[in-house]
Amino acid sequence: MAELTASFHDAARAREALRKLEALRASAAVRPGTDGTALVARVDDAIVEQATRLIETHGGTAEWTE
């Protein structure tokens, strides 16, 4: 599984992306960042591209680590 760290300009966009990542079954490890404008998730390798598009659609930037 890859780890996704995403950042957004505002907390509302981060919350919406968080909700949708959970719907993608990113994993139980999806959690918001401390200031509400970021999130971290463990993501199955099969949905990395889909999760990246979701983050970018919501105005965020995604950074991946293995």
PDB file of N, CA and C in Angstrom:
ATOM      1  N   MET A   1       0.833  -1.183   0.000  1.00  0.00           N
ATOM      2  CA  MET A   1       0.000   0.000   0.000  1.00  0.00           C
ATOM      3  C   MET A   1       0.878   1.247   0.000  1.00  0.00           C
ATOM      4  N   ALA A   2       0.402   2.239  -0.705  1.00  0.00           N
ATOM      5  CA  ALA A   2       1.096   3.526  -0.755  1.00  0.00           C
ATOM      6  C   ALA A   2       0.478   4.457   0.283  1.00  0.00           C
ATOM      7  N   GLU A   3       1.274   5.417   0.738  1.00  0.00           N
ATOM      8  CA  GLU A   3       0.726   6.423   1.650  1.00  0.00           C
ATOM      9  C   GLU A   3       0.564   7.728   0.894  1.00  0.00           C
ATOM     10  N   LEU A   4      -0.604   8.296   0.995  1.00  0.00           N
ATOM     11  CA  LEU A   4      -0.960   9.548   0.336  1.00  0.00           C
ATOM     12  C   LEU A   4      -0.988  10.661   1.366  1.00  0.00           C
ATOM     13  N   THR A   5      -0.313  11.741   1.069  1.00  0.00           N
ATOM     14  CA  THR A   5      -0.440  12.965   1.854  1.00  0.00           C
ATOM     15  C   THR A   5      -0.969  14.017   0.899  1.00  0.00           C
ATOM     16  N   ALA A   6      -2.099  14.611   1.224  1.00  0.00           N
ATOM     17  CA  ALA A   6      -2.720  15.601   0.345  1.00  0.00           C
ATOM     18  C   ALA A   6      -2.937  16.899   1.103  1.00  0.00           C
ATOM     19  N   SER A   7      -2.760  18.009   0.397  1.00  0.00           N
ATOM     20  CA  SER A   7      -3.007  19.313   1.014  1.00  0.00           C
ATOM     21  C   SER A   7      -3.967  20.108   0.138  1.00  0.00           C
ATOM     22  N   PHE A   8      -4.746  20.963   0.797  1.00  0.00           N
ATOM     23  CA  PHE A   8      -5.792  21.735   0.143  1.00  0.00           C
ATOM     24  C   PHE A   8      -5.726  23.180   0.606  1.00  0.00           C
ATOM     25  N   HIS A   9      -6.379  24.068  -0.149  1.00  0.00           N
ATOM     26  CA  HIS A   9      -6.424  25.481   0.220  1.00  0.00           C
ATOM     27  C   HIS A   9      -7.377  25.746   1.373  1.00  0.00           C
ATOM     28  N   ASP A  10      -8.383  24.891   1.542  1.00  0.00           N
ATOM     29  CA  ASP A  10      -9.313  25.104   2.653  1.00  0.00           C
ATOM     30  C   ASP A  10      -9.821  23.774   3.199  1.00  0.00           C
ATOM     31  N   ALA A  11     -10.313  23.825   4.409  1.00  0.00           N
ATOM     32  CA  ALA A  11     -10.745  22.621   5.110  1.00  0.00           C
ATOM     33  C   ALA A  11     -11.978  21.976   4.479  1.00  0.00           C
ATOM     34  N   ALA A  12     -12.860  22.764   3.885  1.00  0.00           N
ATOM     35  CA  ALA A  12     -14.065  22.202   3.273  1.00  0.00           C
ATOM     36  C   ALA A  12     -13.704  21.259   2.131  1.00  0.00           C
ATOM     37  N   ARG A  13     -12.761  21.656   1.302  1.00  0.00           N
ATOM     38  CA  ARG A  13     -12.330  20.784   0.204  1.00  0.00           C
ATOM     39  C   ARG A  13     -11.648  19.529   0.745  1.00  0.00           C
ATOM     40  N   ALA A  14     -10.876  19.681   1.788  1.00  0.00           N
ATOM     41  CA  ALA A  14     -10.204  18.526   2.395  1.00  0.00           C
ATOM     42  C   ALA A  14     -11.224  17.538   2.955  1.00  0.00           C
ATOM     43  N   ARG A  15     -12.255  18.045   3.627  1.00  0.00           N
ATOM     44  CA  ARG A  15     -13.298  17.170   4.181  1.00  0.00           C
ATOM     45  C   ARG A  15     -14.026  16.410   3.082  1.00  0.00           C
ATOM     46  N   GLU A  16     -14.352  17.096   1.986  1.00  0.00           N
ATOM     47  CA  GLU A  16     -15.048  16.438   0.877  1.00  0.00           C
ATOM     48  C   GLU A  16     -14.165  15.354   0.262  1.00  0.00           C
ATOM     49  N   ALA A  17     -12.895  15.650   0.057  1.00  0.00           N
ATOM     50  CA  ALA A  17     -11.976  14.647  -0.489  1.00  0.00           C
ATOM     51  C   ALA A  17     -11.822  13.475   0.475  1.00  0.00           C
ATOM     52  N   LEU A  18     -11.747  13.753   1.752  1.00  0.00           N
ATOM     53  CA  LEU A  18     -11.646  12.702   2.766  1.00  0.00           C
ATOM     54  C   LEU A  18     -12.851  11.773   2.681  1.00  0.00           C
ATOM     55  N   ARG A  19     -14.028  12.349   2.603  1.00  0.00           N
ATOM     56  CA  ARG A  19     -15.260  11.553   2.499  1.00  0.00           C
ATOM     57  C   ARG A  19     -15.238  10.662   1.258  1.00  0.00           C
ATOM     58  N   LYS A  20     -14.808  11.227   0.133  1.00  0.00           N
ATOM     59  CA  LYS A  20     -14.795  10.457  -1.111  1.00  0.00           C
ATOM     60  C   LYS A  20     -13.696   9.400  -1.116  1.00  0.00           C
ATOM     61  N   LEU A  21     -12.552   9.689  -0.502  1.00  0.00           N
ATOM     62  CA  LEU A  21     -11.511   8.667  -0.391  1.00  0.00           C
ATOM     63  C   LEU A  21     -12.000   7.489   0.445  1.00  0.00           C
ATOM     64  N   GLU A  22     -12.707   7.788   1.513  1.00  0.00           N
ATOM     65  CA  GLU A  22     -13.271   6.715   2.327  1.00  0.00           C
ATOM     66  C   GLU A  22     -14.237   5.874   1.498  1.00  0.00           C
ATOM     67  N   ALA A  23     -15.003   6.515   0.625  1.00  0.00           N
ATOM     68  CA  ALA A  23     -15.932   5.796  -0.240  1.00  0.00           C
ATOM     69  C   ALA A  23     -15.190   4.916  -1.243  1.00  0.00           C
ATOM     70  N   LEU A  24     -13.972   5.322  -1.619  1.00  0.00           N
ATOM     71  CA  LEU A  24     -13.152   4.507  -2.520  1.00  0.00           C
ATOM     72  C   LEU A  24     -12.523   3.324  -1.787  1.00  0.00           C
ATOM     73  N   ARG A  25     -12.765   3.250  -0.513  1.00  0.00           N
ATOM     74  CA  ARG A  25     -12.171   2.218   0.327  1.00  0.00           C
ATOM     75  C   ARG A  25     -10.659   2.364   0.388  1.00  0.00           C
ATOM     76  N   ALA A  26     -10.209   3.610   0.505  1.00  0.00           N
ATOM     77  CA  ALA A  26      -8.774   3.865   0.607  1.00  0.00           C
ATOM     78  C   ALA A  26      -8.200   3.020   1.737  1.00  0.00           C
ATOM     79  N   SER A  27      -8.788   3.086   2.886  1.00  0.00           N
ATOM     80  CA  SER A  27      -8.517   2.197   4.017  1.00  0.00           C
ATOM     81  C   SER A  27      -9.028   2.852   5.278  1.00  0.00           C
ATOM     82  N   ALA A  28      -8.954   2.123   6.353  1.00  0.00           N
ATOM     83  CA  ALA A  28      -9.387   2.676   7.633  1.00  0.00           C
ATOM     84  C   ALA A  28      -8.396   3.710   8.144  1.00  0.00           C
ATOM     85  N   ALA A  29      -7.260   3.818   7.501  1.00  0.00           N
ATOM     86  CA  ALA A  29      -6.214   4.725   7.968  1.00  0.00           C
ATOM     87  C   ALA A  29      -6.334   6.130   7.382  1.00  0.00           C
ATOM     88  N   VAL A  30      -7.456   6.458   6.760  1.00  0.00           N
ATOM     89  CA  VAL A  30      -7.650   7.816   6.252  1.00  0.00           C
ATOM     90  C   VAL A  30      -7.900   8.721   7.447  1.00  0.00           C
ATOM     91  N   ARG A  31      -7.089   9.778   7.563  1.00  0.00           N
ATOM     92  CA  ARG A  31      -7.261  10.682   8.699  1.00  0.00           C
ATOM     93  C   ARG A  31      -6.952  12.111   8.286  1.00  0.00           C
ATOM     94  N   PRO A  32      -7.647  13.071   8.888  1.00  0.00           N
ATOM     95  CA  PRO A  32      -7.378  14.475   8.577  1.00  0.00           C
ATOM     96  C   PRO A  32      -6.073  14.929   9.218  1.00  0.00           C
ATOM     97  N   GLY A  33      -5.470  15.955   8.626  1.00  0.00           N
ATOM     98  CA  GLY A  33      -4.289  16.573   9.209  1.00  0.00           C
ATOM     99  C   GLY A  33      -4.671  17.457  10.383  1.00  0.00           C
ATOM    100  N   THR A  34      -3.692  18.032  11.030  1.00  0.00           N
ATOM    101  CA  THR A  34      -3.943  18.800  12.249  1.00  0.00           C
ATOM    102  C   THR A  34      -4.715  20.088  12.025  1.00  0.00           C
ATOM    103  N   ASP A  35      -4.502  20.767  10.900  1.00  0.00           N
ATOM    104  CA  ASP A  35      -5.182  22.052  10.688  1.00  0.00           C
ATOM    105  C   ASP A  35      -6.436  21.944   9.828  1.00  0.00           C
ATOM    106  N   GLY A  36      -6.805  20.741   9.426  1.00  0.00           N
ATOM    107  CA  GLY A  36      -8.017  20.541   8.648  1.00  0.00           C
ATOM    108  C   GLY A  36      -7.868  20.756   7.156  1.00  0.00           C
ATOM    109  N   THR A  37      -6.698  21.186   6.685  1.00  0.00           N
ATOM    110  CA  THR A  37      -6.514  21.410   5.249  1.00  0.00           C
ATOM    111  C   THR A  37      -5.631  20.338   4.617  1.00  0.00           C
ATOM    112  N   ALA A  38      -5.432  19.235   5.315  1.00  0.00           N
ATOM    113  CA  ALA A  38      -4.608  18.147   4.794  1.00  0.00           C
ATOM    114  C   ALA A  38      -5.210  16.823   5.238  1.00  0.00           C
ATOM    115  N   LEU A  39      -4.781  15.751   4.592  1.00  0.00           N
ATOM    116  CA  LEU A  39      -5.181  14.421   5.006  1.00  0.00           C
ATOM    117  C   LEU A  39      -4.075  13.439   4.667  1.00  0.00           C
ATOM    118  N   VAL A  40      -4.119  12.307   5.341  1.00  0.00           N
ATOM    119  CA  VAL A  40      -3.161  11.230   5.109  1.00  0.00           C
ATOM    120  C   VAL A  40      -3.963   9.947   4.982  1.00  0.00           C
ATOM    121  N   ALA A  41      -3.606   9.101   4.016  1.00  0.00           N
ATOM    122  CA  ALA A  41      -4.331   7.851   3.823  1.00  0.00           C
ATOM    123  C   ALA A  41      -3.389   6.754   3.360  1.00  0.00           C
ATOM    124  N   ARG A  42      -3.662   5.532   3.785  1.00  0.00           N
ATOM    125  CA  ARG A  42      -3.008   4.362   3.226  1.00  0.00           C
ATOM    126  C   ARG A  42      -3.913   3.915   2.084  1.00  0.00           C
ATOM    127  N   VAL A  43      -3.364   3.791   0.893  1.00  0.00           N
ATOM    128  CA  VAL A  43      -4.181   3.531  -0.291  1.00  0.00           C
ATOM    129  C   VAL A  43      -3.686   2.284  -1.011  1.00  0.00           C
ATOM    130  N   ASP A  44      -4.611   1.404  -1.338  1.00  0.00           N
ATOM    131  CA  ASP A  44      -4.293   0.207  -2.102  1.00  0.00           C
ATOM    132  C   ASP A  44      -3.695   0.625  -3.438  1.00  0.00           C
ATOM    133  N   ASP A  45      -2.639  -0.044  -3.852  1.00  0.00           N
ATOM    134  CA  ASP A  45      -1.955   0.296  -5.100  1.00  0.00           C
ATOM    135  C   ASP A  45      -2.897   0.328  -6.304  1.00  0.00           C
ATOM    136  N   ALA A  46      -3.957  -0.451  -6.271  1.00  0.00           N
ATOM    137  CA  ALA A  46      -4.885  -0.525  -7.396  1.00  0.00           C
ATOM    138  C   ALA A  46      -5.671   0.765  -7.610  1.00  0.00           C
ATOM    139  N   ILE A  47      -5.779   1.616  -6.589  1.00  0.00           N
ATOM    140  CA  ILE A  47      -6.572   2.841  -6.748  1.00  0.00           C
ATOM    141  C   ILE A  47      -5.746   4.116  -6.612  1.00  0.00           C
ATOM    142  N   VAL A  48      -4.426   4.011  -6.704  1.00  0.00           N
ATOM    143  CA  VAL A  48      -3.563   5.188  -6.563  1.00  0.00           C
ATOM    144  C   VAL A  48      -3.915   6.255  -7.596  1.00  0.00           C
ATOM    145  N   GLU A  49      -4.046   5.865  -8.851  1.00  0.00           N
ATOM    146  CA  GLU A  49      -4.346   6.841  -9.908  1.00  0.00           C
ATOM    147  C   GLU A  49      -5.718   7.482  -9.691  1.00  0.00           C
ATOM    148  N   GLN A  50      -6.691   6.684  -9.334  1.00  0.00           N
ATOM    149  CA  GLN A  50      -8.042   7.202  -9.083  1.00  0.00           C
ATOM    150  C   GLN A  50      -8.032   8.158  -7.886  1.00  0.00           C
ATOM    151  N   ALA A  51      -7.315   7.817  -6.836  1.00  0.00           N
ATOM    152  CA  ALA A  51      -7.232   8.684  -5.656  1.00  0.00           C
ATOM    153  C   ALA A  51      -6.533  10.000  -5.995  1.00  0.00           C
ATOM    154  N   THR A  52      -5.500   9.938  -6.825  1.00  0.00           N
ATOM    155  CA  THR A  52      -4.791  11.155  -7.238  1.00  0.00           C
ATOM    156  C   THR A  52      -5.730  12.085  -7.993  1.00  0.00           C
ATOM    157  N   ARG A  53      -6.494  11.547  -8.932  1.00  0.00           N
ATOM    158  CA  ARG A  53      -7.457  12.364  -9.681  1.00  0.00           C
ATOM    159  C   ARG A  53      -8.495  12.979  -8.748  1.00  0.00           C
ATOM    160  N   LEU A  54      -8.957  12.215  -7.776  1.00  0.00           N
ATOM    161  CA  LEU A  54      -9.940  12.722  -6.821  1.00  0.00           C
ATOM    162  C   LEU A  54      -9.375  13.918  -6.061  1.00  0.00           C
ATOM    163  N   ILE A  55      -8.155  13.808  -5.578  1.00  0.00           N
ATOM    164  CA  ILE A  55      -7.513  14.903  -4.838  1.00  0.00           C
ATOM    165  C   ILE A  55      -7.382  16.134  -5.730  1.00  0.00           C
ATOM    166  N   GLU A  56      -6.886  15.945  -6.948  1.00  0.00           N
ATOM    167  CA  GLU A  56      -6.682  17.072  -7.860  1.00  0.00           C
ATOM    168  C   GLU A  56      -8.002  17.718  -8.260  1.00  0.00           C
ATOM    169  N   THR A  57      -9.054  16.932  -8.431  1.00  0.00           N
ATOM    170  CA  THR A  57     -10.373  17.463  -8.758  1.00  0.00           C
ATOM    171  C   THR A  57     -10.885  18.389  -7.658  1.00  0.00           C
ATOM    172  N   HIS A  58     -10.504  18.110  -6.427  1.00  0.00           N
ATOM    173  CA  HIS A  58     -10.932  18.927  -5.288  1.00  0.00           C
ATOM    174  C   HIS A  58      -9.933  20.030  -4.963  1.00  0.00           C
ATOM    175  N   GLY A  59      -9.037  20.330  -5.904  1.00  0.00           N
ATOM    176  CA  GLY A  59      -8.118  21.454  -5.738  1.00  0.00           C
ATOM    177  C   GLY A  59      -6.927  21.172  -4.851  1.00  0.00           C
ATOM    178  N   GLY A  60      -6.665  19.903  -4.584  1.00  0.00           N
ATOM    179  CA  GLY A  60      -5.548  19.546  -3.717  1.00  0.00           C
ATOM    180  C   GLY A  60      -4.329  19.078  -4.491  1.00  0.00           C
ATOM    181  N   THR A  61      -3.258  18.902  -3.771  1.00  0.00           N
ATOM    182  CA  THR A  61      -2.050  18.309  -4.335  1.00  0.00           C
ATOM    183  C   THR A  61      -1.759  17.035  -3.561  1.00  0.00           C
ATOM    184  N   ALA A  62      -1.319  16.012  -4.277  1.00  0.00           N
ATOM    185  CA  ALA A  62      -1.064  14.711  -3.667  1.00  0.00           C
ATOM    186  C   ALA A  62       0.420  14.385  -3.715  1.00  0.00           C
ATOM    187  N   GLU A  63       0.907  13.831  -2.635  1.00  0.00           N
ATOM    188  CA  GLU A  63       2.283  13.350  -2.564  1.00  0.00           C
ATOM    189  C   GLU A  63       2.223  11.898  -2.099  1.00  0.00           C
ATOM    190  N   TRP A  64       2.931  11.029  -2.810  1.00  0.00           N
ATOM    191  CA  TRP A  64       2.877   9.598  -2.520  1.00  0.00           C
ATOM    192  C   TRP A  64       4.205   9.097  -1.987  1.00  0.00           C
ATOM    193  N   THR A  65       4.138   8.173  -1.035  1.00  0.00           N
ATOM    194  CA  THR A  65       5.315   7.453  -0.561  1.00  0.00           C
ATOM    195  C   THR A  65       4.949   5.980  -0.483  1.00  0.00           C
ATOM    196  N   GLU A  66       5.916   5.142  -0.701  1.00  0.00           N
ATOM    197  CA  GLU A  66       5.683   3.685  -0.637  1.00  0.00           C
ATOM    198  C   GLU A  66       5.950   3.174   0.749  1.00  0.00           C
TER     199      GLU A  66
END
